[in-house]
Every structure is written in structure tokens, then in C-alpha cells.
N, C-alpha and C. Protein backbone atom coordinates (compact mmCIF):
# COMPACT_ATOMS: atom_id res chain seq x y z
N MET A 1 3.51 23.75 164.28
CA MET A 1 3.74 25.14 164.65
C MET A 1 2.39 25.81 164.88
N PRO A 2 2.26 26.55 165.98
CA PRO A 2 0.98 27.23 166.25
C PRO A 2 0.60 28.19 165.14
N ARG A 3 -0.71 28.33 164.93
CA ARG A 3 -1.23 29.19 163.86
C ARG A 3 -0.71 30.62 163.97
N LYS A 4 -0.65 31.15 165.22
CA LYS A 4 -0.18 32.52 165.43
C LYS A 4 1.26 32.68 164.94
N LYS A 5 2.10 31.68 165.24
CA LYS A 5 3.50 31.73 164.81
C LYS A 5 3.60 31.65 163.29
N ILE A 6 2.74 30.84 162.67
CA ILE A 6 2.74 30.71 161.21
C ILE A 6 2.43 32.06 160.57
N LYS A 7 1.40 32.77 161.08
CA LYS A 7 1.03 34.08 160.52
C LYS A 7 2.19 35.07 160.67
N LYS A 8 2.81 35.08 161.83
CA LYS A 8 3.92 36.00 162.07
C LYS A 8 5.08 35.69 161.12
N GLU A 9 5.41 34.41 160.97
CA GLU A 9 6.48 34.00 160.04
C GLU A 9 6.12 34.40 158.61
N GLN A 10 4.86 34.24 158.26
CA GLN A 10 4.37 34.61 156.93
C GLN A 10 4.58 36.11 156.69
N LEU A 11 4.28 36.93 157.68
CA LEU A 11 4.46 38.37 157.56
C LEU A 11 5.93 38.75 157.47
N LEU A 12 6.78 38.11 158.26
CA LEU A 12 8.22 38.40 158.21
C LEU A 12 8.81 37.97 156.87
N SER A 13 8.35 36.84 156.36
CA SER A 13 8.80 36.39 155.02
C SER A 13 8.36 37.38 153.95
N ALA A 14 7.18 37.95 154.12
CA ALA A 14 6.70 38.97 153.18
C ALA A 14 7.62 40.18 153.22
N GLY A 15 8.04 40.57 154.42
CA GLY A 15 8.97 41.70 154.55
C GLY A 15 10.29 41.44 153.85
N ILE A 16 10.81 40.22 153.98
CA ILE A 16 12.06 39.85 153.32
C ILE A 16 11.89 39.92 151.81
N ALA A 17 10.76 39.40 151.31
CA ALA A 17 10.50 39.45 149.86
C ALA A 17 10.38 40.88 149.37
N LEU A 18 9.73 41.74 150.14
CA LEU A 18 9.56 43.14 149.74
C LEU A 18 10.88 43.90 149.71
N LEU A 19 11.77 43.59 150.65
CA LEU A 19 13.07 44.27 150.69
C LEU A 19 13.94 43.94 149.47
N ALA A 20 13.59 42.87 148.77
CA ALA A 20 14.30 42.53 147.54
C ALA A 20 13.84 43.42 146.38
N LYS A 21 12.68 44.09 146.57
CA LYS A 21 12.10 44.89 145.48
C LYS A 21 12.09 46.38 145.78
N LYS A 22 12.02 46.75 147.06
CA LYS A 22 11.85 48.16 147.44
C LYS A 22 12.78 48.52 148.59
N SER A 23 13.01 49.81 148.74
CA SER A 23 13.77 50.27 149.90
C SER A 23 12.85 50.25 151.12
N PRO A 24 13.41 50.18 152.33
CA PRO A 24 12.58 50.13 153.53
C PRO A 24 11.58 51.29 153.63
N SER A 25 12.00 52.49 153.23
CA SER A 25 11.10 53.64 153.34
C SER A 25 9.94 53.56 152.36
N GLU A 26 10.08 52.78 151.29
CA GLU A 26 9.01 52.65 150.29
C GLU A 26 7.98 51.58 150.67
N ILE A 27 8.30 50.76 151.66
CA ILE A 27 7.41 49.66 152.04
C ILE A 27 6.39 50.16 153.07
N SER A 28 5.13 49.93 152.77
CA SER A 28 4.06 50.34 153.70
C SER A 28 3.48 49.11 154.38
N MET A 29 2.69 49.36 155.39
CA MET A 29 1.99 48.26 156.07
C MET A 29 1.01 47.59 155.09
N ASP A 30 0.45 48.38 154.18
CA ASP A 30 -0.42 47.82 153.13
C ASP A 30 0.37 46.83 152.26
N ASP A 31 1.60 47.22 151.89
CA ASP A 31 2.44 46.35 151.07
C ASP A 31 2.72 45.02 151.78
N ILE A 32 3.05 45.11 153.07
CA ILE A 32 3.34 43.90 153.85
C ILE A 32 2.12 43.00 153.89
N ALA A 33 0.97 43.59 154.15
CA ALA A 33 -0.28 42.81 154.20
C ALA A 33 -0.57 42.16 152.86
N ALA A 34 -0.45 42.92 151.78
CA ALA A 34 -0.73 42.38 150.44
C ALA A 34 0.24 41.25 150.08
N GLU A 35 1.53 41.45 150.38
CA GLU A 35 2.54 40.44 150.07
C GLU A 35 2.27 39.14 150.84
N ALA A 36 1.81 39.30 152.09
CA ALA A 36 1.55 38.13 152.93
C ALA A 36 0.16 37.52 152.70
N GLY A 37 -0.70 38.27 151.99
CA GLY A 37 -2.06 37.77 151.74
C GLY A 37 -2.95 37.84 152.96
N VAL A 38 -2.73 38.88 153.78
CA VAL A 38 -3.56 39.08 154.98
C VAL A 38 -4.08 40.51 154.97
N THR A 39 -4.86 40.83 155.99
CA THR A 39 -5.39 42.20 156.09
C THR A 39 -4.39 43.09 156.83
N LYS A 40 -4.47 44.38 156.56
CA LYS A 40 -3.59 45.35 157.21
C LYS A 40 -3.73 45.33 158.74
N PRO A 41 -4.95 45.22 159.28
CA PRO A 41 -5.06 45.15 160.75
C PRO A 41 -4.27 43.99 161.36
N MET A 42 -4.12 42.89 160.59
CA MET A 42 -3.35 41.76 161.11
C MET A 42 -1.88 42.13 161.28
N VAL A 43 -1.34 42.94 160.36
CA VAL A 43 0.06 43.38 160.47
C VAL A 43 0.20 44.22 161.73
N TYR A 44 -0.76 45.13 161.97
CA TYR A 44 -0.72 45.95 163.18
C TYR A 44 -0.89 45.10 164.44
N TYR A 45 -1.72 44.07 164.35
CA TYR A 45 -1.95 43.19 165.50
C TYR A 45 -0.63 42.54 165.96
N TYR A 46 0.16 42.05 165.01
CA TYR A 46 1.40 41.36 165.35
C TYR A 46 2.55 42.29 165.68
N PHE A 47 2.59 43.47 165.05
CA PHE A 47 3.79 44.31 165.17
C PHE A 47 3.54 45.72 165.71
N GLY A 48 2.31 46.17 165.71
CA GLY A 48 1.98 47.48 166.28
C GLY A 48 2.27 48.66 165.39
N SER A 49 3.38 48.61 164.67
CA SER A 49 3.78 49.73 163.81
C SER A 49 4.83 49.23 162.83
N LYS A 50 5.19 50.09 161.90
CA LYS A 50 6.24 49.74 160.94
C LYS A 50 7.57 49.55 161.66
N THR A 51 7.81 50.40 162.66
CA THR A 51 9.04 50.27 163.46
C THR A 51 9.06 48.92 164.17
N GLY A 52 7.92 48.55 164.75
CA GLY A 52 7.81 47.25 165.42
C GLY A 52 8.04 46.10 164.46
N PHE A 53 7.54 46.25 163.23
CA PHE A 53 7.74 45.22 162.22
C PHE A 53 9.23 45.04 161.94
N TYR A 54 9.94 46.15 161.74
CA TYR A 54 11.37 46.05 161.43
C TYR A 54 12.16 45.52 162.62
N GLU A 55 11.75 45.85 163.84
CA GLU A 55 12.43 45.30 165.03
C GLU A 55 12.29 43.78 165.05
N HIS A 56 11.08 43.29 164.76
CA HIS A 56 10.88 41.84 164.71
C HIS A 56 11.65 41.21 163.54
N LEU A 57 11.74 41.94 162.43
CA LEU A 57 12.48 41.42 161.28
C LEU A 57 13.97 41.26 161.62
N VAL A 58 14.52 42.24 162.34
CA VAL A 58 15.93 42.13 162.78
C VAL A 58 16.10 40.89 163.65
N GLU A 59 15.18 40.68 164.58
CA GLU A 59 15.26 39.49 165.45
C GLU A 59 15.14 38.20 164.65
N HIS A 60 14.24 38.20 163.68
CA HIS A 60 14.02 37.02 162.84
C HIS A 60 15.29 36.68 162.04
N VAL A 61 15.90 37.70 161.46
CA VAL A 61 17.09 37.49 160.64
C VAL A 61 18.28 37.06 161.51
N THR A 62 18.47 37.71 162.66
CA THR A 62 19.60 37.33 163.52
C THR A 62 19.39 35.91 164.07
N SER A 63 18.14 35.53 164.28
CA SER A 63 17.85 34.17 164.73
C SER A 63 18.23 33.16 163.64
N SER A 64 17.93 33.48 162.39
CA SER A 64 18.32 32.60 161.27
C SER A 64 19.84 32.48 161.17
N LEU A 65 20.54 33.61 161.34
CA LEU A 65 22.00 33.58 161.31
C LEU A 65 22.56 32.78 162.48
N ARG A 66 21.93 32.92 163.65
CA ARG A 66 22.37 32.16 164.83
C ARG A 66 22.25 30.66 164.58
N GLU A 67 21.14 30.24 163.96
CA GLU A 67 20.94 28.83 163.64
C GLU A 67 22.01 28.34 162.67
N MET A 68 22.33 29.16 161.67
CA MET A 68 23.35 28.79 160.70
C MET A 68 24.70 28.62 161.40
N LEU A 69 25.05 29.57 162.27
CA LEU A 69 26.33 29.51 162.98
C LEU A 69 26.37 28.32 163.93
N THR A 70 25.28 28.10 164.65
CA THR A 70 25.23 26.97 165.59
C THR A 70 25.43 25.65 164.86
N GLY A 71 24.84 25.55 163.66
CA GLY A 71 25.00 24.35 162.85
C GLY A 71 26.44 24.11 162.41
N CYS A 72 27.22 25.18 162.33
CA CYS A 72 28.62 25.07 161.91
C CYS A 72 29.55 24.76 163.08
N LEU A 73 29.08 25.01 164.30
CA LEU A 73 29.93 24.86 165.48
C LEU A 73 29.84 23.46 166.08
N ASP A 74 30.17 22.45 165.28
CA ASP A 74 30.18 21.09 165.80
C ASP A 74 31.31 20.95 166.82
N SER A 75 31.04 20.21 167.88
CA SER A 75 32.09 20.03 168.88
C SER A 75 33.27 19.30 168.24
N GLY A 76 34.46 19.76 168.60
CA GLY A 76 35.67 19.15 168.07
C GLY A 76 36.16 19.78 166.77
N SER A 77 35.38 20.71 166.19
CA SER A 77 35.80 21.36 164.95
C SER A 77 36.86 22.43 165.25
N THR A 78 37.79 22.59 164.33
CA THR A 78 38.79 23.65 164.46
C THR A 78 38.21 24.94 163.90
N PHE A 79 38.86 26.05 164.17
CA PHE A 79 38.43 27.33 163.64
C PHE A 79 38.38 27.29 162.11
N ARG A 80 39.40 26.70 161.52
CA ARG A 80 39.46 26.58 160.06
C ARG A 80 38.27 25.80 159.51
N GLU A 81 37.93 24.70 160.17
CA GLU A 81 36.80 23.86 159.71
C GLU A 81 35.47 24.60 159.86
N VAL A 82 35.32 25.34 160.96
CA VAL A 82 34.08 26.10 161.16
C VAL A 82 33.96 27.20 160.11
N LEU A 83 35.07 27.89 159.82
CA LEU A 83 35.04 28.92 158.77
C LEU A 83 34.65 28.31 157.43
N LYS A 84 35.22 27.18 157.13
CA LYS A 84 34.91 26.51 155.86
C LYS A 84 33.42 26.18 155.79
N SER A 85 32.88 25.65 156.88
CA SER A 85 31.46 25.32 156.93
C SER A 85 30.60 26.57 156.80
N LEU A 86 31.01 27.67 157.44
CA LEU A 86 30.28 28.94 157.33
C LEU A 86 30.27 29.45 155.89
N ILE A 87 31.40 29.34 155.22
CA ILE A 87 31.48 29.79 153.82
C ILE A 87 30.52 28.98 152.96
N VAL A 88 30.52 27.67 153.15
CA VAL A 88 29.62 26.81 152.38
C VAL A 88 28.16 27.20 152.65
N GLN A 89 27.82 27.44 153.92
CA GLN A 89 26.46 27.85 154.27
C GLN A 89 26.09 29.18 153.61
N ARG A 90 27.02 30.14 153.64
CA ARG A 90 26.75 31.45 153.04
C ARG A 90 26.58 31.34 151.53
N ILE A 91 27.39 30.51 150.89
CA ILE A 91 27.25 30.32 149.44
C ILE A 91 25.89 29.70 149.14
N ASN A 92 25.49 28.72 149.92
CA ASN A 92 24.18 28.10 149.73
C ASN A 92 23.07 29.13 149.94
N GLN A 93 23.25 30.00 150.93
CA GLN A 93 22.28 31.05 151.20
C GLN A 93 22.18 31.99 150.00
N GLU A 94 23.33 32.39 149.47
CA GLU A 94 23.32 33.28 148.30
C GLU A 94 22.69 32.60 147.09
N SER A 95 22.91 31.29 146.96
CA SER A 95 22.38 30.56 145.80
C SER A 95 20.89 30.28 145.91
N PHE A 96 20.44 29.90 147.11
CA PHE A 96 19.06 29.43 147.25
C PHE A 96 18.14 30.41 147.99
N HIS A 97 18.72 31.32 148.77
CA HIS A 97 17.91 32.30 149.51
C HIS A 97 18.58 33.67 149.48
N PRO A 98 18.82 34.21 148.28
CA PRO A 98 19.53 35.50 148.20
C PRO A 98 18.76 36.64 148.88
N GLU A 99 17.44 36.48 148.99
CA GLU A 99 16.65 37.53 149.63
C GLU A 99 17.02 37.68 151.11
N LEU A 100 17.45 36.60 151.76
CA LEU A 100 17.85 36.69 153.16
C LEU A 100 19.16 37.46 153.30
N SER A 101 20.13 37.16 152.42
CA SER A 101 21.40 37.90 152.43
C SER A 101 21.16 39.38 152.15
N ASN A 102 20.28 39.66 151.20
CA ASN A 102 19.92 41.04 150.87
C ASN A 102 19.33 41.75 152.08
N THR A 103 18.45 41.05 152.80
CA THR A 103 17.81 41.63 153.98
C THR A 103 18.84 41.93 155.06
N VAL A 104 19.79 41.02 155.27
CA VAL A 104 20.84 41.25 156.26
C VAL A 104 21.61 42.52 155.91
N ARG A 105 21.97 42.66 154.64
CA ARG A 105 22.71 43.86 154.20
C ARG A 105 21.90 45.13 154.46
N ILE A 106 20.63 45.10 154.10
CA ILE A 106 19.78 46.29 154.28
C ILE A 106 19.60 46.63 155.75
N LEU A 107 19.32 45.62 156.57
CA LEU A 107 19.09 45.86 158.00
C LEU A 107 20.35 46.40 158.67
N ALA A 108 21.51 45.92 158.23
CA ALA A 108 22.76 46.33 158.86
C ALA A 108 23.26 47.69 158.38
N THR A 109 22.68 48.20 157.30
CA THR A 109 23.20 49.47 156.76
C THR A 109 22.18 50.60 156.75
N THR A 110 20.93 50.31 157.06
CA THR A 110 19.90 51.34 157.03
C THR A 110 19.61 51.83 158.44
N LYS A 111 20.00 53.05 158.72
CA LYS A 111 19.89 53.62 160.06
C LYS A 111 18.48 53.53 160.63
N GLU A 112 17.48 53.83 159.83
CA GLU A 112 16.09 53.90 160.31
C GLU A 112 15.53 52.55 160.76
N ILE A 113 16.10 51.46 160.31
CA ILE A 113 15.52 50.15 160.66
C ILE A 113 16.50 49.21 161.34
N GLY A 114 17.53 49.71 161.88
CA GLY A 114 18.46 48.82 162.59
C GLY A 114 19.87 49.35 162.57
N GLY A 115 20.44 49.40 161.38
CA GLY A 115 21.77 49.94 161.18
C GLY A 115 22.79 49.43 162.18
N ALA A 116 23.36 50.34 162.97
CA ALA A 116 24.44 50.00 163.90
C ALA A 116 23.99 48.96 164.92
N GLU A 117 22.75 49.07 165.40
CA GLU A 117 22.25 48.10 166.38
C GLU A 117 22.18 46.70 165.77
N CYS A 118 21.72 46.62 164.53
CA CYS A 118 21.64 45.34 163.85
C CYS A 118 23.04 44.77 163.60
N ARG A 119 23.97 45.62 163.15
CA ARG A 119 25.35 45.18 162.94
C ARG A 119 25.94 44.63 164.24
N ALA A 120 25.67 45.33 165.35
CA ALA A 120 26.18 44.88 166.65
C ALA A 120 25.61 43.51 167.01
N LYS A 121 24.33 43.28 166.74
CA LYS A 121 23.72 41.98 167.03
C LYS A 121 24.34 40.88 166.17
N ILE A 122 24.59 41.20 164.91
CA ILE A 122 25.20 40.21 164.02
C ILE A 122 26.62 39.89 164.48
N LEU A 123 27.39 40.93 164.80
CA LEU A 123 28.76 40.70 165.28
C LEU A 123 28.77 39.91 166.57
N ALA A 124 27.81 40.17 167.45
CA ALA A 124 27.74 39.46 168.73
C ALA A 124 27.54 37.95 168.52
N LEU A 125 26.87 37.59 167.43
CA LEU A 125 26.66 36.17 167.14
C LEU A 125 27.98 35.43 167.01
N PHE A 126 28.99 36.14 166.47
CA PHE A 126 30.26 35.48 166.20
C PHE A 126 31.13 35.30 167.44
N SER A 127 30.63 35.78 168.59
CA SER A 127 31.38 35.55 169.83
C SER A 127 31.45 34.05 170.15
N GLY A 128 30.55 33.28 169.57
CA GLY A 128 30.60 31.83 169.73
C GLY A 128 31.86 31.22 169.13
N LEU A 129 32.51 31.96 168.23
CA LEU A 129 33.75 31.49 167.63
C LEU A 129 34.98 31.82 168.47
N ASP A 130 34.80 32.67 169.49
CA ASP A 130 35.94 33.12 170.30
C ASP A 130 36.81 31.98 170.83
N PRO A 131 36.21 30.93 171.44
CA PRO A 131 37.07 29.85 171.98
C PRO A 131 37.91 29.16 170.89
N LEU A 132 37.30 28.91 169.73
CA LEU A 132 38.04 28.27 168.64
C LEU A 132 39.14 29.18 168.11
N PHE A 133 38.82 30.47 168.02
CA PHE A 133 39.80 31.45 167.55
C PHE A 133 40.97 31.51 168.53
N ALA A 134 40.66 31.52 169.82
CA ALA A 134 41.71 31.55 170.85
C ALA A 134 42.57 30.28 170.79
N ASP A 135 41.93 29.12 170.57
CA ASP A 135 42.69 27.87 170.44
C ASP A 135 43.63 27.90 169.25
N ALA A 136 43.15 28.47 168.13
CA ALA A 136 43.99 28.56 166.93
C ALA A 136 45.18 29.50 167.17
N LYS A 137 44.96 30.55 167.94
CA LYS A 137 46.07 31.44 168.31
C LYS A 137 47.07 30.71 169.21
N LYS A 138 46.52 29.99 170.19
CA LYS A 138 47.37 29.28 171.15
C LYS A 138 48.22 28.22 170.46
N SER A 139 47.63 27.54 169.46
CA SER A 139 48.37 26.48 168.75
C SER A 139 49.39 27.05 167.78
N GLY A 140 49.33 28.36 167.55
CA GLY A 140 50.27 28.98 166.61
C GLY A 140 49.79 29.00 165.18
N GLU A 141 48.56 28.52 164.95
CA GLU A 141 48.02 28.51 163.58
C GLU A 141 47.67 29.93 163.13
N ILE A 142 47.21 30.77 164.07
CA ILE A 142 46.82 32.14 163.76
C ILE A 142 47.72 33.10 164.51
N ARG A 143 48.06 34.19 163.86
CA ARG A 143 48.91 35.21 164.49
C ARG A 143 48.25 35.75 165.75
N LYS A 144 49.07 36.09 166.73
CA LYS A 144 48.57 36.58 168.02
C LYS A 144 47.82 37.90 167.89
N ASP A 145 48.16 38.72 166.88
CA ASP A 145 47.51 40.03 166.75
C ASP A 145 46.25 39.99 165.87
N ALA A 146 45.84 38.81 165.43
CA ALA A 146 44.63 38.70 164.60
C ALA A 146 43.39 39.03 165.43
N ASP A 147 42.40 39.61 164.78
CA ASP A 147 41.16 40.01 165.45
C ASP A 147 39.99 39.31 164.77
N LEU A 148 39.19 38.60 165.56
CA LEU A 148 38.09 37.81 165.02
C LEU A 148 37.09 38.65 164.24
N ARG A 149 36.73 39.83 164.76
CA ARG A 149 35.74 40.67 164.07
C ARG A 149 36.25 41.11 162.71
N LEU A 150 37.54 41.43 162.64
CA LEU A 150 38.11 41.82 161.34
C LEU A 150 38.17 40.63 160.38
N VAL A 151 38.46 39.46 160.92
CA VAL A 151 38.49 38.25 160.08
C VAL A 151 37.11 38.00 159.49
N MET A 152 36.06 38.11 160.32
CA MET A 152 34.71 37.87 159.82
C MET A 152 34.28 38.94 158.82
N ALA A 153 34.70 40.18 159.06
CA ALA A 153 34.39 41.26 158.11
C ALA A 153 35.09 41.01 156.78
N LEU A 154 36.35 40.56 156.84
CA LEU A 154 37.10 40.26 155.62
C LEU A 154 36.46 39.10 154.87
N LEU A 155 36.06 38.07 155.61
CA LEU A 155 35.38 36.92 154.98
C LEU A 155 34.13 37.38 154.25
N ASN A 156 33.33 38.20 154.92
CA ASN A 156 32.10 38.71 154.30
C ASN A 156 32.43 39.54 153.06
N SER A 157 33.47 40.37 153.13
CA SER A 157 33.86 41.20 151.98
C SER A 157 34.30 40.34 150.80
N LEU A 158 35.03 39.26 151.08
CA LEU A 158 35.47 38.37 150.00
C LEU A 158 34.27 37.69 149.33
N LEU A 159 33.32 37.25 150.14
CA LEU A 159 32.11 36.62 149.57
C LEU A 159 31.29 37.63 148.77
N GLU A 160 31.10 38.81 149.35
CA GLU A 160 30.35 39.86 148.66
C GLU A 160 31.06 40.26 147.36
N GLY A 161 32.38 40.36 147.43
CA GLY A 161 33.16 40.73 146.24
C GLY A 161 33.00 39.72 145.12
N ALA A 162 33.08 38.43 145.46
CA ALA A 162 32.91 37.38 144.45
C ALA A 162 31.54 37.48 143.81
N LEU A 163 30.54 37.74 144.64
CA LEU A 163 29.17 37.85 144.14
C LEU A 163 29.02 39.06 143.21
N ARG A 164 29.58 40.19 143.61
CA ARG A 164 29.44 41.40 142.79
C ARG A 164 30.24 41.32 141.49
N ILE A 165 31.42 40.72 141.54
CA ILE A 165 32.25 40.61 140.34
C ILE A 165 31.69 39.59 139.37
N HIS A 166 31.31 38.41 139.90
CA HIS A 166 30.91 37.30 139.03
C HIS A 166 29.41 37.10 138.90
N GLY A 167 28.63 37.68 139.81
CA GLY A 167 27.18 37.48 139.78
C GLY A 167 26.79 36.18 140.46
N LYS A 168 25.48 36.02 140.68
CA LYS A 168 24.96 34.84 141.39
C LYS A 168 25.30 33.53 140.68
N ASP A 169 25.35 33.58 139.35
CA ASP A 169 25.62 32.35 138.60
C ASP A 169 27.01 31.79 138.85
N PHE A 170 27.91 32.62 139.37
CA PHE A 170 29.27 32.18 139.68
C PHE A 170 29.23 30.97 140.61
N PHE A 171 28.33 30.99 141.59
CA PHE A 171 28.27 29.90 142.56
C PHE A 171 27.66 28.63 141.97
N LYS A 172 27.17 28.70 140.73
CA LYS A 172 26.69 27.50 140.06
C LYS A 172 27.83 26.84 139.29
N THR A 173 28.92 27.60 139.06
CA THR A 173 30.04 27.08 138.26
C THR A 173 31.16 26.49 139.11
N VAL A 174 31.16 26.79 140.41
CA VAL A 174 32.18 26.22 141.31
C VAL A 174 31.46 25.53 142.46
N THR A 175 32.10 24.51 143.01
CA THR A 175 31.48 23.90 144.18
C THR A 175 31.76 24.78 145.38
N SER A 176 30.81 24.83 146.28
CA SER A 176 30.97 25.68 147.46
C SER A 176 32.16 25.22 148.31
N VAL A 177 32.44 23.91 148.32
CA VAL A 177 33.56 23.39 149.10
C VAL A 177 34.89 23.85 148.49
N ASP A 178 35.01 23.77 147.15
CA ASP A 178 36.24 24.23 146.49
C ASP A 178 36.45 25.72 146.70
N PHE A 179 35.38 26.50 146.57
CA PHE A 179 35.51 27.95 146.74
C PHE A 179 35.83 28.29 148.19
N SER A 180 35.27 27.53 149.12
CA SER A 180 35.59 27.79 150.54
C SER A 180 37.07 27.57 150.80
N GLU A 181 37.67 26.59 150.14
CA GLU A 181 39.12 26.35 150.29
C GLU A 181 39.92 27.55 149.79
N VAL A 182 39.49 28.13 148.69
CA VAL A 182 40.18 29.32 148.15
C VAL A 182 40.10 30.46 149.16
N LEU A 183 38.91 30.71 149.69
CA LEU A 183 38.76 31.80 150.66
C LEU A 183 39.53 31.54 151.94
N ILE A 184 39.55 30.29 152.39
CA ILE A 184 40.31 29.95 153.61
C ILE A 184 41.79 30.24 153.38
N ARG A 185 42.32 29.87 152.22
CA ARG A 185 43.74 30.15 151.92
C ARG A 185 44.00 31.64 151.92
N LEU A 186 43.09 32.42 151.32
CA LEU A 186 43.27 33.87 151.31
C LEU A 186 43.26 34.45 152.73
N LEU A 187 42.31 34.01 153.53
CA LEU A 187 42.23 34.49 154.91
C LEU A 187 43.49 34.13 155.69
N PHE A 188 43.90 32.87 155.59
CA PHE A 188 45.05 32.42 156.37
C PHE A 188 46.37 32.97 155.85
N ASP A 189 46.40 33.44 154.61
CA ASP A 189 47.60 34.16 154.14
C ASP A 189 47.78 35.43 154.97
N GLY A 190 46.67 36.01 155.43
CA GLY A 190 46.73 37.23 156.21
C GLY A 190 46.85 37.00 157.71
N ILE A 191 46.12 36.01 158.23
CA ILE A 191 46.10 35.83 159.68
C ILE A 191 46.92 34.64 160.16
N GLY A 192 47.30 33.78 159.25
CA GLY A 192 47.97 32.54 159.66
C GLY A 192 49.46 32.72 159.89
N THR A 193 50.03 31.69 160.47
CA THR A 193 51.48 31.68 160.72
C THR A 193 52.17 30.66 159.84
N GLY A 194 51.38 29.96 159.02
CA GLY A 194 51.94 28.92 158.16
C GLY A 194 51.86 27.55 158.80
N LYS A 195 51.48 27.50 160.07
CA LYS A 195 51.36 26.22 160.78
C LYS A 195 49.89 25.84 160.83
N ARG A 196 49.56 24.65 160.41
CA ARG A 196 48.17 24.18 160.49
C ARG A 196 47.99 23.34 161.74
N SER A 197 46.91 23.62 162.45
CA SER A 197 46.61 22.74 163.60
C SER A 197 46.00 21.47 163.06
N GLU A 198 46.27 20.39 163.69
CA GLU A 198 45.76 19.09 163.24
C GLU A 198 44.55 18.68 164.04
């Protein structure tokens, strides 16, 4: 990886680490530089301003989510299988990289650094699931009136709820595959028709 890209990644990683400790408005360019172990002018060189830094951070995070989703979209997988794989990935993310999940939440809910625009970018990532979702509807596995965006929002709420109720250690007591099966059953109780596609 080129040196310039390494420095930029280092600065973005510093931003993710800082968001686990402070609110976006409390983070200064000095803080980013100190966390990354570089000089303040270097932060300005790569991003121009704090706004520029957060714009790049949104791109960095959505790129990470895109990679995760792409990894789940194996050819030949059903919608149910892709959802299960996504749940496992999200549980692993919460267990091993909770700072990334925290950053996604902050970027998607903080108006000054992304908010609605960031949420729209994240939702747009899931358009890759549209063909599988349509196939599941066509096969009769999913109700015709089901909406993919609502399904993904519900999935996220169920994962967030489990985390808030049980804490991070909860995911150390259950296997991610077993828990994904529980969430899939809950989701399909709402959107399914009782018929499983094979």
C-alpha cells in the first residue's frame, strides 16, 4: 500500500478511535493528529478541514460496509442465506471492532457530520440485495408487501437491541451462527409466508 494511503488510513482510524471516546463536536484537528501520531498540518494536508475529515470518514466507513456486504453476496445464495451471513458479520464486527459500529451510528445520526446523507449512503448499499429479495418474493418465501429497507432497519434494531439489553459479552456466550438463526426466524415471522425456498 502506498505511503500516502497508509497515512490517510491511519488518520481515519484515529477518527474512529476518537469517536469511541468523544462526541464529534469535541474532536479537534489536534486530537486527530495526536491520536494518529502525526502533526496537525498533515491532517489539514489530507482533509483540508474538519468537515473534509468527516466527509472522508463517511466514505471510509461506507466502503468498509460495502466490502462486508459484497463478501456476503456469494453467487447462488438465497436472501435468507445472505441475511444470515450479514448477521454473523455484524456480530463479529460488534465483538472485534465495536468502534466501527459506533462510528456508523454516530455518522448516521449526527446532522453536522453526515446524518441523513450518511444514512442514505448506507441504505443505498443494500440495493445489492434487491434481486435476491425480489426472487424470495417471487418464490413465495417473502410476502409481496415486504419492504427491503424496513427489513434491514428491523434487522439492525434487533441486533442493537440484543447488544443494549445483554451487553457486548452476550456475543461471547452464543455462537454468531446460532444467534443469526434466531434473528432470521424473528424476521421471517414478520415477512415470510411460511414457505422456504430451497
